[in-house]
Amino acid sequence: MVLNYIWVGFFLIAFVVALVKLVFLGDYEVFPAMMKSTFDMSKTAFELSIGLTGAMALWLGIMRIGEKAGIIRVVYKLVGPFFKRLFPGIPENHPVMTPMLMNFSANMMGLDNAATPLGLKAMEGLQELNPKKDSASNEQIMFLVLNTSGLTLLPISIMVYRQQAGATDPSDVFLPILLATFFSTFVGLVITAIYQRIKLYDPVILAYLLGMLLLVGGIIYTFLGMEPEAVGKASSTLANVILFSVIAGIISLGAIRKVNVYDSFIEGAKEAFSIAIKIIPYLVAMLVAIGVFRSSGTLDWITSGIKSGVLAMGWNADFVDALPTALMKPLSGSGARGMMVETMNTHGADSLPGYLASIMQGSTETTLFVLALYFGAVGVRKTRYAIVCGLLADLAGIIAAIVLSYLFFVPKG
C-alpha cells in the first residue's frame, strides 16, 4: 500500500511541478522531457531485466550445484545461531540460507551484478516459506532491509569513479564509506528487530554483532596501514579473489560429492529466464515513475529549498550540493551514480560536495528500486513496514555521511 502511494505521488508531484514551470516560468521543454523519460525508462527497464539474465543464469546455476552438494550445512554451521534469531521463520538448514548469505557477501564486496540474482533467488526461497503470498513476511522484510542498507566493505566502483574525476587520492573515502554503511546497516537491523520484537540483547546476537565490529575494525586497520594508491588495487583484488573462490569452492564440493556439476548448473540457470520476464513490469513501473519525477525538476527544487533553509539558519550549506545523490539513491542506483559524477565534475572530486556525494553513494542501496524488484519478482503486493525501515536506514546512512564528511575532510578551526 505504501509503495502504491509513493508511485502515485511521483507522477502527481511531477505533474504539478511541471505545470507550474510551464505556466509561470515559461518552460516549454519540461513536458516533452517528461514524456521522453517515460519512453527512455521503459526501454531501460526492459534492457536491465534482459541484462540481468546472464548474471542470474550464472549464479542460479552455481547455487543449484551448492544445494545438491550440501553446502547449506556448511554455511549454517558458521552463521546458523545468528540467523536463527534474526530469521526465526526459516527452518534449520533450509536451502534459502545459501543465496541469502552469498547475496550479503556480494554486497559487502561492492559487486552489485552478482548480488542481484542471488537476492532474487533468496526472495523466491523466502516466498516459499511465506504463509501469506501477497503480503511480505517478517523474514523477507529483514532480508530486504539488511540488503538495502547496503553494508559495503570494499567500495571499488566509487573509488574508480573518483579516480576518473581526478581525485588526488581516490581511496580517501574508503574509511568514511565503511563507517557510514556500517551505521546504516546497524540502524536498519535494530529498527526492523524492534518491529519484529526480536531480542537484540540475546548473547548470541550480541556476540555476532561484536564479531562484525571487529571484522570491520580489522579491515580498517589493514587498509590504513597501506599506501593510499595501493588501497584501490588491493580491495579490488581481494573482492574478486573471494568471489571466485566461492565459485571454485562450490564446484569443487559438488565434484567431490559426486554431483553431476554441469547438469546441475544448467538446471539452475534455466530459472533465470522466467525470473527476468516476471520482473519486467515492476521495473517499468518504478523506473518510469522515477524518470518522470527527476525530469520534472522536482529534485532541483527540493535541493534549492533545503539550501535556502540551511542558509537562513546560519549554518554551513556546503553539504547541500551533494544532496541530489542522497535524494536519488533510494530511487535509482544509476540515477544516484549520475548525480555523484555530476557533483564531482561540477565542484571537484576533492571538494566537500565531491567527498560527501561519494560517501552517500556508498552508504546505502536503492531501497525503493530493490523493494519493487524483489517483491515484484515473487508477487508480494503488501510491503507492510519494509519501506519505513529501509528509508530510516537510508536516513541514518545519509546523516552519518554528512557528519563523517565534515569530520574527515573539513579543516578544523
Protein backbone atom coordinates (compact mmCIF):
# COMPACT_ATOMS: atom_id res chain seq x y z
CA MET A 1 0.00 0.00 0.00
CA VAL A 2 2.82 2.43 0.88
CA LEU A 3 4.56 1.68 -2.41
CA ASN A 4 1.29 2.44 -4.21
CA TYR A 5 1.09 5.89 -2.61
CA ILE A 6 4.74 6.62 -3.40
CA TRP A 7 4.28 5.57 -7.02
CA VAL A 8 1.19 7.76 -7.47
CA GLY A 9 2.97 10.60 -5.68
CA PHE A 10 5.87 10.56 -8.13
CA PHE A 11 3.54 11.19 -11.06
CA LEU A 12 1.25 13.73 -9.41
CA ILE A 13 4.03 15.80 -7.85
CA ALA A 14 5.95 15.75 -11.12
CA PHE A 15 2.82 16.90 -12.99
CA VAL A 16 2.15 19.79 -10.60
CA VAL A 17 5.78 20.96 -10.67
CA ALA A 18 5.92 20.73 -14.46
CA LEU A 19 2.65 22.65 -14.78
CA VAL A 20 3.97 25.43 -12.55
CA LYS A 21 7.19 25.60 -14.60
CA LEU A 22 5.19 25.77 -17.84
CA VAL A 23 2.57 28.33 -16.79
CA PHE A 24 4.62 30.63 -14.55
CA LEU A 25 8.20 30.14 -15.76
CA GLY A 26 7.59 29.59 -19.45
CA ASP A 27 9.46 26.29 -19.50
CA TYR A 28 8.18 24.71 -22.72
CA GLU A 29 10.67 21.84 -22.53
CA VAL A 30 9.58 20.26 -19.27
CA PHE A 31 6.62 18.23 -20.57
CA PRO A 32 8.50 16.94 -23.65
CA ALA A 33 11.35 15.97 -21.32
CA MET A 34 8.96 14.11 -19.02
CA MET A 35 7.32 12.24 -21.89
CA LYS A 36 10.72 11.37 -23.33
CA SER A 37 11.73 9.96 -19.95
CA THR A 38 8.72 7.61 -19.96
CA PHE A 39 9.90 6.02 -23.20
CA ASP A 40 13.57 6.04 -22.21
CA MET A 41 12.97 4.48 -18.80
CA SER A 42 10.60 1.85 -20.22
CA LYS A 43 13.36 0.81 -22.58
CA THR A 44 15.89 0.92 -19.75
CA ALA A 45 13.70 -1.32 -17.59
CA PHE A 46 13.44 -3.93 -20.34
CA GLU A 47 17.16 -3.79 -21.10
CA LEU A 48 18.01 -4.02 -17.41
CA SER A 49 15.85 -7.10 -16.98
CA ILE A 50 17.35 -8.81 -20.04
CA GLY A 51 20.82 -7.71 -18.98
CA LEU A 52 20.34 -9.40 -15.61
CA THR A 53 19.54 -12.72 -17.25
CA GLY A 54 23.15 -13.72 -17.89
CA ALA A 55 24.32 -12.95 -14.37
CA MET A 56 21.25 -14.64 -12.89
CA ALA A 57 21.82 -17.73 -15.02
CA LEU A 58 25.43 -17.95 -13.78
CA TRP A 59 24.66 -17.55 -10.09
CA LEU A 60 21.49 -19.60 -10.02
CA GLY A 61 23.41 -22.38 -11.71
CA ILE A 62 26.18 -22.16 -9.12
CA MET A 63 23.57 -22.16 -6.36
CA ARG A 64 21.95 -25.33 -7.69
CA ILE A 65 25.33 -27.08 -7.57
CA GLY A 66 25.77 -25.88 -3.99
CA GLU A 67 22.33 -27.09 -2.98
CA LYS A 68 22.96 -30.59 -4.32
CA ALA A 69 26.44 -30.67 -2.80
CA GLY A 70 25.12 -29.89 0.70
CA ILE A 71 26.83 -26.53 1.11
CA ILE A 72 23.87 -25.36 3.18
CA ARG A 73 25.02 -27.48 6.11
CA VAL A 74 28.47 -25.92 5.94
CA VAL A 75 27.10 -22.39 5.79
CA TYR A 76 24.61 -22.99 8.57
CA LYS A 77 27.33 -24.12 10.96
CA LEU A 78 29.02 -20.74 10.55
CA VAL A 79 26.09 -18.36 10.92
CA GLY A 80 23.16 -20.55 11.88
CA PRO A 81 22.82 -19.36 15.50
CA PHE A 82 22.77 -15.70 14.46
CA PHE A 83 20.43 -16.16 11.51
CA LYS A 84 18.14 -18.40 13.52
CA ARG A 85 17.43 -15.46 15.80
CA LEU A 86 17.13 -12.85 13.04
CA PHE A 87 15.07 -15.12 10.79
CA PRO A 88 13.12 -17.38 13.16
CA GLY A 89 10.68 -18.40 10.42
CA ILE A 90 13.37 -20.15 8.34
CA PRO A 91 13.73 -23.87 9.16
CA GLU A 92 17.16 -25.13 10.10
CA ASN A 93 19.37 -25.96 7.09
CA HIS A 94 16.82 -24.60 4.62
CA PRO A 95 18.28 -24.06 1.10
CA VAL A 96 17.39 -20.35 1.11
CA MET A 97 20.25 -19.70 3.53
CA THR A 98 22.90 -20.08 0.83
CA PRO A 99 21.72 -17.41 -1.66
CA MET A 100 20.91 -15.09 1.25
CA LEU A 101 24.42 -15.27 2.64
CA MET A 102 26.05 -15.05 -0.76
CA ASN A 103 23.91 -12.00 -1.55
CA PHE A 104 25.12 -10.30 1.63
CA SER A 105 28.72 -11.25 0.78
CA ALA A 106 28.49 -9.88 -2.78
CA ASN A 107 27.03 -6.60 -1.48
CA MET A 108 29.84 -6.31 1.04
CA MET A 109 32.35 -6.69 -1.77
CA GLY A 110 30.59 -3.99 -3.80
CA LEU A 111 29.68 -6.47 -6.56
CA ASP A 112 26.12 -5.43 -7.41
CA ASN A 113 25.87 -7.55 -10.56
CA ALA A 114 26.49 -10.70 -8.54
CA ALA A 115 24.30 -9.63 -5.61
CA THR A 116 21.08 -9.03 -7.56
CA PRO A 117 20.49 -12.55 -8.95
CA LEU A 118 21.39 -14.05 -5.58
CA GLY A 119 18.92 -11.71 -3.88
CA LEU A 120 16.17 -12.68 -6.31
CA LYS A 121 16.86 -16.35 -5.66
CA ALA A 122 16.77 -15.75 -1.91
CA MET A 123 13.48 -13.89 -2.18
CA GLU A 124 11.96 -16.80 -4.11
CA GLY A 125 13.04 -19.19 -1.35
CA LEU A 126 11.60 -16.92 1.35
CA GLN A 127 8.34 -16.68 -0.60
CA GLU A 128 8.00 -20.46 -0.48
CA LEU A 129 8.01 -20.17 3.32
CA ASN A 130 5.63 -17.20 3.33
CA PRO A 131 2.11 -18.22 4.50
CA LYS A 132 0.52 -15.05 3.06
CA LYS A 133 1.74 -14.89 -0.52
CA ASP A 134 0.58 -11.34 -1.25
CA SER A 135 1.99 -9.88 1.98
CA ALA A 136 5.67 -9.58 2.94
CA SER A 137 6.79 -11.92 5.71
CA ASN A 138 8.99 -10.80 8.61
CA GLU A 139 11.89 -12.76 7.13
CA GLN A 140 11.51 -11.10 3.73
CA ILE A 141 11.44 -7.67 5.33
CA MET A 142 14.51 -8.32 7.47
CA PHE A 143 16.38 -9.65 4.43
CA LEU A 144 15.47 -6.65 2.30
CA VAL A 145 16.30 -4.07 4.97
CA LEU A 146 19.72 -5.63 5.53
CA ASN A 147 20.13 -5.76 1.76
CA THR A 148 19.07 -2.18 1.06
CA SER A 149 21.02 -0.71 3.98
CA GLY A 150 23.97 -1.76 1.85
CA LEU A 151 26.83 -2.83 4.13
CA THR A 152 29.82 -2.28 1.83
CA LEU A 153 33.31 -3.28 2.92
CA LEU A 154 35.03 -2.57 -0.40
CA PRO A 155 33.53 0.34 -2.40
CA ILE A 156 35.50 -0.44 -5.54
CA SER A 157 33.33 1.28 -8.15
CA ILE A 158 33.16 4.54 -6.22
CA MET A 159 36.94 4.72 -5.97
CA VAL A 160 37.17 4.12 -9.73
CA TYR A 161 34.75 7.00 -10.41
CA ARG A 162 36.75 9.25 -8.12
CA GLN A 163 39.91 8.37 -9.97
CA GLN A 164 38.23 9.22 -13.29
CA ALA A 165 37.06 12.54 -11.82
CA GLY A 166 40.65 13.49 -10.97
CA ALA A 167 40.73 12.82 -7.22
CA THR A 168 44.16 13.23 -5.69
CA ASP A 169 43.62 10.07 -3.64
CA PRO A 170 40.62 8.06 -4.90
CA SER A 171 40.72 5.79 -1.86
CA ASP A 172 40.44 8.54 0.76
CA VAL A 173 36.68 7.90 1.07
CA PHE A 174 37.19 4.22 1.91
CA LEU A 175 37.08 4.59 5.68
CA PRO A 176 34.18 7.09 5.80
CA ILE A 177 32.10 4.89 3.48
CA LEU A 178 32.81 1.84 5.60
CA LEU A 179 31.73 3.65 8.75
CA ALA A 180 28.62 5.23 7.15
CA THR A 181 27.40 1.96 5.63
CA PHE A 182 28.03 0.07 8.86
CA PHE A 183 25.96 2.65 10.76
CA SER A 184 23.17 2.43 8.16
CA THR A 185 23.04 -1.36 8.36
CA PHE A 186 23.14 -1.37 12.16
CA VAL A 187 20.24 1.11 12.38
CA GLY A 188 18.26 -0.87 9.79
CA LEU A 189 18.76 -4.10 11.74
CA VAL A 190 17.79 -2.52 15.05
CA ILE A 191 14.64 -0.81 13.72
CA THR A 192 13.45 -3.96 11.96
CA ALA A 193 14.20 -6.05 15.04
CA ILE A 194 12.09 -3.68 17.14
CA TYR A 195 9.19 -4.04 14.69
CA GLN A 196 9.54 -7.82 14.82
CA ARG A 197 10.17 -7.94 18.59
CA ILE A 198 13.49 -9.71 18.20
CA LYS A 199 15.54 -9.69 21.41
CA LEU A 200 18.70 -7.80 20.46
CA TYR A 201 20.20 -8.34 23.92
CA ASP A 202 20.38 -12.08 23.22
CA PRO A 203 24.00 -13.20 23.96
CA VAL A 204 24.33 -14.86 20.54
CA ILE A 205 23.20 -11.74 18.66
CA LEU A 206 25.49 -9.55 20.74
CA ALA A 207 28.42 -11.89 20.09
CA TYR A 208 27.92 -11.86 16.32
CA LEU A 209 27.47 -8.10 16.24
CA LEU A 210 30.70 -7.71 18.19
CA GLY A 211 32.40 -10.06 15.73
CA MET A 212 31.20 -7.94 12.81
CA LEU A 213 32.51 -4.85 14.54
CA LEU A 214 35.90 -6.49 14.99
CA LEU A 215 35.90 -7.56 11.32
CA VAL A 216 35.18 -4.01 10.20
CA GLY A 217 37.86 -2.74 12.57
CA GLY A 218 40.37 -5.26 11.22
CA ILE A 219 39.70 -4.20 7.63
CA ILE A 220 40.07 -0.55 8.59
CA TYR A 221 43.37 -1.29 10.33
CA THR A 222 44.68 -3.30 7.38
CA PHE A 223 43.91 -0.68 4.75
CA LEU A 224 45.01 2.27 6.87
CA GLY A 225 48.43 0.66 7.08
CA MET A 226 48.81 0.63 3.28
CA GLU A 227 49.93 3.31 0.89
CA PRO A 228 46.87 5.21 -0.38
CA GLU A 229 47.43 4.37 -4.05
CA ALA A 230 47.52 0.66 -3.21
CA VAL A 231 44.15 0.56 -1.47
CA GLY A 232 42.01 0.52 -4.62
CA LYS A 233 44.04 -2.23 -6.28
CA ALA A 234 44.20 -4.35 -3.13
CA SER A 235 40.48 -4.04 -2.38
CA SER A 236 39.52 -4.92 -5.95
CA THR A 237 41.81 -7.94 -5.93
CA LEU A 238 40.52 -9.12 -2.54
CA ALA A 239 36.87 -8.80 -3.58
CA ASN A 240 37.29 -10.78 -6.78
CA VAL A 241 39.53 -13.43 -5.19
CA ILE A 242 36.86 -14.05 -2.54
CA LEU A 243 34.07 -14.20 -5.12
CA PHE A 244 35.86 -16.58 -7.47
CA SER A 245 36.96 -18.69 -4.52
CA VAL A 246 33.29 -19.17 -3.67
CA ILE A 247 32.57 -20.31 -7.23
CA ALA A 248 35.55 -22.66 -7.29
CA GLY A 249 34.74 -23.97 -3.82
CA ILE A 250 31.13 -24.82 -4.67
CA ILE A 251 32.10 -26.54 -7.91
CA SER A 252 34.85 -28.50 -6.13
CA LEU A 253 32.48 -29.54 -3.35
CA GLY A 254 29.98 -30.73 -5.95
CA ALA A 255 32.64 -32.76 -7.75
CA ILE A 256 33.90 -34.32 -4.51
CA ARG A 257 30.39 -35.36 -3.53
CA LYS A 258 29.73 -36.95 -6.94
CA VAL A 259 27.19 -34.34 -8.09
CA ASN A 260 26.69 -34.03 -11.84
CA VAL A 261 28.04 -30.49 -11.75
CA TYR A 262 27.34 -29.49 -15.35
CA ASP A 263 23.76 -30.75 -15.46
CA SER A 264 23.04 -29.18 -12.09
CA PHE A 265 24.37 -25.85 -13.32
CA ILE A 266 22.15 -25.97 -16.43
CA GLU A 267 19.14 -26.90 -14.31
CA GLY A 268 19.61 -23.90 -12.03
CA ALA A 269 20.50 -21.47 -14.82
CA LYS A 270 17.22 -22.14 -16.64
CA GLU A 271 15.33 -20.43 -13.82
CA ALA A 272 16.89 -17.08 -14.75
CA PHE A 273 14.73 -16.58 -17.82
CA SER A 274 11.40 -16.93 -16.05
CA ILE A 275 12.55 -14.52 -13.33
CA ALA A 276 13.75 -11.95 -15.89
CA ILE A 277 10.38 -11.96 -17.66
CA LYS A 278 8.46 -11.74 -14.39
CA ILE A 279 10.22 -8.59 -13.15
CA ILE A 280 9.87 -6.51 -16.35
CA PRO A 281 6.50 -4.87 -15.46
CA TYR A 282 7.68 -3.99 -11.96
CA LEU A 283 10.86 -2.42 -13.28
CA VAL A 284 8.92 -0.44 -15.89
CA ALA A 285 6.51 0.85 -13.25
CA MET A 286 9.20 2.03 -10.85
CA LEU A 287 11.77 3.35 -13.32
CA VAL A 288 9.23 5.33 -15.35
CA ALA A 289 7.91 6.97 -12.16
CA ILE A 290 11.45 7.84 -11.06
CA GLY A 291 12.31 9.17 -14.51
CA VAL A 292 9.28 11.46 -14.63
CA PHE A 293 9.95 12.72 -11.10
CA ARG A 294 13.55 13.51 -11.96
CA SER A 295 12.96 15.11 -15.37
CA SER A 296 10.25 17.40 -13.97
CA GLY A 297 12.92 19.23 -11.98
CA THR A 298 11.34 18.37 -8.63
CA LEU A 299 14.65 17.21 -7.19
CA ASP A 300 16.29 20.52 -8.12
CA TRP A 301 13.53 22.44 -6.38
CA ILE A 302 13.82 20.30 -3.24
CA THR A 303 17.57 20.86 -3.10
CA SER A 304 17.23 24.61 -3.59
CA GLY A 305 14.62 24.81 -0.84
CA ILE A 306 16.81 22.88 1.61
CA LYS A 307 19.81 25.10 0.84
CA SER A 308 17.81 28.27 1.44
CA GLY A 309 16.56 26.92 4.76
CA VAL A 310 20.04 25.91 5.92
CA LEU A 311 21.49 29.30 5.00
CA ALA A 312 18.62 31.08 6.76
CA MET A 313 19.60 29.30 9.97
CA GLY A 314 23.18 30.47 9.58
CA TRP A 315 24.63 27.01 9.03
CA ASN A 316 27.25 25.83 6.58
CA ALA A 317 25.30 24.74 3.49
CA ASP A 318 28.18 23.20 1.51
CA PHE A 319 26.76 19.73 2.08
CA VAL A 320 23.51 20.60 0.28
CA ASP A 321 25.25 20.49 -3.11
CA ALA A 322 25.68 16.74 -2.60
CA LEU A 323 22.08 16.08 -1.53
CA PRO A 324 20.83 15.19 -5.05
CA THR A 325 22.84 11.97 -4.72
CA ALA A 326 21.20 11.23 -1.35
CA LEU A 327 17.71 12.06 -2.62
CA MET A 328 18.14 9.94 -5.74
CA LYS A 329 19.81 6.95 -4.07
CA PRO A 330 16.64 5.33 -2.64
CA LEU A 331 15.05 5.67 -6.08
CA SER A 332 17.68 4.73 -8.65
CA GLY A 333 21.22 3.41 -8.37
CA SER A 334 22.19 4.63 -11.83
CA GLY A 335 20.50 7.99 -11.16
CA ALA A 336 22.40 8.43 -7.91
CA ARG A 337 25.62 7.39 -9.64
CA GLY A 338 24.99 10.05 -12.28
CA MET A 339 24.33 12.64 -9.57
CA MET A 340 27.58 11.68 -7.82
CA VAL A 341 29.62 12.01 -11.02
CA GLU A 342 27.91 15.31 -11.85
CA THR A 343 28.68 16.66 -8.37
CA MET A 344 32.34 15.71 -8.64
CA ASN A 345 32.61 17.21 -12.13
CA THR A 346 30.92 20.44 -11.02
CA HIS A 347 32.54 21.00 -7.63
CA GLY A 348 35.66 18.82 -7.89
CA ALA A 349 36.30 15.29 -6.64
CA ASP A 350 38.28 16.65 -3.67
CA SER A 351 35.67 19.24 -2.65
CA LEU A 352 33.34 18.70 0.31
CA PRO A 353 30.36 18.04 -2.02
CA GLY A 354 32.53 15.63 -4.03
CA TYR A 355 33.57 13.72 -0.91
CA LEU A 356 30.05 13.73 0.50
CA ALA A 357 28.41 12.52 -2.72
CA SER A 358 30.88 9.63 -2.85
CA ILE A 359 30.19 8.64 0.76
CA MET A 360 26.42 8.90 0.28
CA GLN A 361 26.62 6.74 -2.83
CA GLY A 362 28.36 4.03 -0.83
CA SER A 363 26.38 4.29 2.40
CA THR A 364 23.07 2.71 1.29
CA GLU A 365 21.36 0.81 -1.52
CA THR A 366 18.47 1.78 -3.83
CA THR A 367 15.71 0.98 -1.34
CA LEU A 368 12.55 1.61 -3.38
CA PHE A 369 14.03 0.07 -6.52
CA VAL A 370 15.18 -3.07 -4.71
CA LEU A 371 11.87 -3.46 -2.89
CA ALA A 372 9.95 -3.10 -6.15
CA LEU A 373 12.28 -5.55 -7.91
CA TYR A 374 12.43 -8.22 -5.20
CA PHE A 375 8.80 -8.09 -4.09
CA GLY A 376 7.66 -7.87 -7.70
CA ALA A 377 9.61 -10.99 -8.60
CA VAL A 378 7.56 -13.06 -6.13
CA GLY A 379 4.21 -11.26 -6.40
CA VAL A 380 4.19 -9.58 -2.98
CA ARG A 381 1.92 -6.52 -3.02
CA LYS A 382 1.63 -5.63 0.68
CA THR A 383 5.08 -4.49 1.82
CA ARG A 384 3.96 -3.72 5.42
CA TYR A 385 6.71 -1.79 7.26
CA ALA A 386 9.54 -2.68 4.85
CA ILE A 387 9.69 0.75 3.22
CA VAL A 388 9.66 2.57 6.56
CA CYS A 389 12.56 0.51 7.92
CA GLY A 390 14.51 0.74 4.68
CA LEU A 391 14.15 4.51 4.37
CA LEU A 392 15.04 5.07 8.04
CA ALA A 393 18.22 3.06 7.46
CA ASP A 394 18.89 5.25 4.41
CA LEU A 395 18.38 8.38 6.51
CA ALA A 396 20.83 7.07 9.10
CA GLY A 397 23.40 6.48 6.35
CA ILE A 398 22.90 9.99 4.93
CA ILE A 399 23.26 11.64 8.35
CA ALA A 400 26.35 9.58 9.07
CA ALA A 401 27.80 10.53 5.67
CA ILE A 402 27.33 14.25 6.36
CA VAL A 403 28.88 14.03 9.84
CA LEU A 404 31.81 11.92 8.61
CA SER A 405 32.47 14.24 5.66
CA TYR A 406 32.86 17.23 7.97
CA LEU A 407 34.91 15.13 10.39
CA PHE A 408 37.31 13.76 7.77
CA PHE A 409 37.52 16.45 5.11
CA VAL A 410 36.77 19.89 6.64
CA PRO A 411 39.80 21.60 8.22
CA LYS A 412 39.38 22.21 11.92
CA GLY A 413 39.46 25.71 13.34
